[in-house]
N, C-alpha and C. Protein backbone atom coordinates (compact mmCIF):
# COMPACT_ATOMS: atom_id res chain seq x y z
N MET A 1 0.86 -1.17 0.00
CA MET A 1 0.03 -0.01 0.00
C MET A 1 0.90 1.25 0.01
N ALA A 2 0.59 2.18 -0.85
CA ALA A 2 1.40 3.39 -0.99
C ALA A 2 1.24 4.29 0.27
N ASP A 3 2.29 5.06 0.52
CA ASP A 3 2.27 5.91 1.69
C ASP A 3 1.10 6.91 1.69
N GLN A 4 0.86 7.50 0.53
CA GLN A 4 -0.21 8.45 0.41
C GLN A 4 -1.59 7.81 0.62
N GLU A 5 -1.73 6.60 0.07
CA GLU A 5 -2.97 5.86 0.24
C GLU A 5 -3.19 5.52 1.74
N GLN A 6 -2.12 5.11 2.39
CA GLN A 6 -2.19 4.79 3.84
C GLN A 6 -2.51 6.04 4.64
N ALA A 7 -1.97 7.19 4.27
CA ALA A 7 -2.22 8.42 4.99
C ALA A 7 -3.70 8.83 4.82
N GLU A 8 -4.25 8.63 3.62
CA GLU A 8 -5.65 8.94 3.36
C GLU A 8 -6.57 8.03 4.22
N ILE A 9 -6.18 6.78 4.32
CA ILE A 9 -6.99 5.86 5.12
C ILE A 9 -6.95 6.23 6.58
N ARG A 10 -5.76 6.60 7.04
CA ARG A 10 -5.63 7.02 8.46
C ARG A 10 -6.40 8.32 8.74
N LEU A 11 -6.41 9.20 7.77
CA LEU A 11 -7.19 10.44 7.92
C LEU A 11 -8.69 10.16 7.96
N ARG A 12 -9.12 9.26 7.15
CA ARG A 12 -10.53 8.86 7.14
C ARG A 12 -10.90 8.24 8.47
N LEU A 13 -9.99 7.40 8.99
CA LEU A 13 -10.21 6.76 10.31
C LEU A 13 -10.31 7.81 11.40
N ALA A 14 -9.42 8.79 11.35
CA ALA A 14 -9.49 9.86 12.37
C ALA A 14 -10.79 10.64 12.31
N ARG A 15 -11.28 10.88 11.09
CA ARG A 15 -12.55 11.60 10.96
C ARG A 15 -13.72 10.75 11.52
N LEU A 16 -13.68 9.45 11.22
CA LEU A 16 -14.75 8.60 11.74
C LEU A 16 -14.70 8.51 13.25
N ARG A 17 -13.50 8.48 13.84
CA ARG A 17 -13.37 8.45 15.30
C ARG A 17 -13.97 9.72 15.89
N GLN A 18 -13.70 10.86 15.26
CA GLN A 18 -14.26 12.13 15.77
C GLN A 18 -15.78 12.13 15.64
N GLU A 19 -16.26 11.65 14.50
CA GLU A 19 -17.74 11.59 14.30
C GLU A 19 -18.37 10.64 15.34
N HIS A 20 -17.70 9.53 15.66
CA HIS A 20 -18.20 8.57 16.64
C HIS A 20 -18.27 9.25 18.00
N GLU A 21 -17.24 10.01 18.37
CA GLU A 21 -17.26 10.74 19.64
C GLU A 21 -18.37 11.78 19.66
N ASP A 22 -18.59 12.47 18.54
CA ASP A 22 -19.63 13.45 18.44
C ASP A 22 -21.02 12.86 18.67
N TYR A 23 -21.24 11.67 18.05
CA TYR A 23 -22.51 10.96 18.24
C TYR A 23 -22.68 10.54 19.69
N ASP A 24 -21.60 10.11 20.29
CA ASP A 24 -21.64 9.69 21.71
C ASP A 24 -22.08 10.88 22.57
N ALA A 25 -21.47 12.02 22.37
CA ALA A 25 -21.80 13.23 23.14
C ALA A 25 -23.27 13.63 22.89
N ALA A 26 -23.68 13.57 21.63
CA ALA A 26 -25.03 13.97 21.30
C ALA A 26 -26.06 13.02 21.95
N ILE A 27 -25.74 11.72 21.91
CA ILE A 27 -26.65 10.72 22.54
C ILE A 27 -26.74 10.97 24.02
N ASN A 28 -25.62 11.21 24.69
CA ASN A 28 -25.65 11.46 26.12
C ASN A 28 -26.48 12.72 26.44
N ALA A 29 -26.33 13.76 25.62
CA ALA A 29 -27.10 14.97 25.83
C ALA A 29 -28.60 14.73 25.63
N MET A 30 -28.95 13.93 24.63
CA MET A 30 -30.32 13.60 24.36
C MET A 30 -30.95 12.81 25.52
N ILE A 31 -30.16 11.90 26.09
CA ILE A 31 -30.67 11.10 27.19
C ILE A 31 -30.92 11.98 28.43
N GLN A 32 -29.99 12.89 28.66
CA GLN A 32 -30.13 13.76 29.83
C GLN A 32 -31.29 14.73 29.71
N THR A 33 -31.61 15.14 28.45
CA THR A 33 -32.71 16.09 28.29
C THR A 33 -34.07 15.36 28.17
N GLY A 34 -34.03 14.02 28.15
CA GLY A 34 -35.28 13.30 28.05
C GLY A 34 -35.88 13.28 26.65
N CYS A 35 -35.03 13.20 25.69
CA CYS A 35 -35.45 13.21 24.26
C CYS A 35 -36.22 11.91 23.94
N ASP A 36 -36.87 11.91 22.82
CA ASP A 36 -37.64 10.78 22.36
C ASP A 36 -36.75 9.56 22.20
N ALA A 37 -37.20 8.43 22.74
CA ALA A 37 -36.41 7.19 22.71
C ALA A 37 -36.12 6.69 21.31
N LEU A 38 -37.04 6.94 20.38
CA LEU A 38 -36.86 6.48 18.98
C LEU A 38 -35.71 7.28 18.37
N ARG A 39 -35.64 8.57 18.63
CA ARG A 39 -34.53 9.39 18.06
C ARG A 39 -33.20 8.92 18.65
N ILE A 40 -33.17 8.62 19.94
CA ILE A 40 -31.98 8.13 20.56
C ILE A 40 -31.51 6.81 19.95
N GLN A 41 -32.48 5.96 19.72
CA GLN A 41 -32.18 4.64 19.13
C GLN A 41 -31.60 4.80 17.73
N ARG A 42 -32.16 5.73 16.96
CA ARG A 42 -31.63 6.01 15.59
C ARG A 42 -30.20 6.50 15.63
N MET A 43 -29.94 7.37 16.60
CA MET A 43 -28.57 7.91 16.74
C MET A 43 -27.64 6.80 17.13
N LYS A 44 -28.05 5.91 17.99
CA LYS A 44 -27.19 4.78 18.41
C LYS A 44 -26.92 3.86 17.23
N LYS A 45 -27.90 3.72 16.36
CA LYS A 45 -27.72 2.84 15.18
C LYS A 45 -26.69 3.48 14.24
N LYS A 46 -26.76 4.78 14.07
CA LYS A 46 -25.77 5.48 13.22
C LYS A 46 -24.38 5.38 13.84
N LYS A 47 -24.30 5.51 15.15
CA LYS A 47 -23.04 5.39 15.83
C LYS A 47 -22.43 4.01 15.65
N LEU A 48 -23.28 2.99 15.72
CA LEU A 48 -22.80 1.64 15.49
C LEU A 48 -22.31 1.42 14.09
N ALA A 49 -23.00 2.01 13.11
CA ALA A 49 -22.55 1.89 11.71
C ALA A 49 -21.18 2.58 11.54
N ILE A 50 -20.97 3.66 12.20
CA ILE A 50 -19.67 4.33 12.16
C ILE A 50 -18.58 3.43 12.77
N LYS A 51 -18.92 2.80 13.88
CA LYS A 51 -17.96 1.88 14.53
C LYS A 51 -17.62 0.74 13.60
N ASP A 52 -18.60 0.18 12.91
CA ASP A 52 -18.31 -0.87 11.94
C ASP A 52 -17.37 -0.40 10.83
N SER A 53 -17.61 0.83 10.32
CA SER A 53 -16.74 1.41 9.30
C SER A 53 -15.32 1.55 9.84
N MET A 54 -15.21 1.96 11.09
CA MET A 54 -13.89 2.11 11.70
C MET A 54 -13.17 0.77 11.78
N SER A 55 -13.91 -0.28 12.14
CA SER A 55 -13.31 -1.61 12.26
C SER A 55 -12.81 -2.09 10.86
N GLN A 56 -13.58 -1.84 9.84
CA GLN A 56 -13.17 -2.23 8.48
C GLN A 56 -11.90 -1.51 8.07
N ILE A 57 -11.82 -0.23 8.35
CA ILE A 57 -10.65 0.56 8.00
C ILE A 57 -9.42 0.08 8.82
N GLU A 58 -9.62 -0.19 10.08
CA GLU A 58 -8.54 -0.69 10.92
C GLU A 58 -8.01 -2.03 10.41
N ASP A 59 -8.89 -2.88 9.89
CA ASP A 59 -8.50 -4.15 9.29
C ASP A 59 -7.65 -3.94 8.04
N GLN A 60 -7.92 -2.88 7.30
CA GLN A 60 -7.11 -2.57 6.11
C GLN A 60 -5.71 -2.08 6.54
N ILE A 61 -5.62 -1.37 7.62
CA ILE A 61 -4.34 -0.80 8.05
C ILE A 61 -3.49 -1.90 8.69
N ILE A 62 -4.10 -2.72 9.54
CA ILE A 62 -3.34 -3.76 10.23
C ILE A 62 -3.55 -5.07 9.50
N PRO A 63 -2.49 -5.60 8.85
CA PRO A 63 -2.66 -6.83 8.11
C PRO A 63 -2.84 -8.03 9.04
N ASP A 64 -3.57 -9.07 8.54
CA ASP A 64 -3.73 -10.27 9.30
C ASP A 64 -2.41 -11.04 9.39
N ILE A 65 -2.16 -11.57 10.51
CA ILE A 65 -0.94 -12.37 10.71
C ILE A 65 -1.38 -13.82 10.90
N ILE A 66 -0.92 -14.69 10.07
CA ILE A 66 -1.25 -16.09 10.15
C ILE A 66 -0.30 -16.73 11.14
N ALA A 67 -0.88 -17.31 12.22
CA ALA A 67 -0.01 -17.90 13.25
C ALA A 67 0.48 -19.27 12.85
């Protein structure tokens, strides 16, 4: 994998981590204000999708090692 391509992947991962943290903060704020449970559930689903994307990118960065 080229250095520039790896740097782009790492940048994308950093953005997703920030977005994941933002969703976490938003969800906590919604819970404390007593927001609609359905809206909170949708936010949690989006947060989970971001986490899945992060895992896929991390798998691209860290190669599998066959024991």
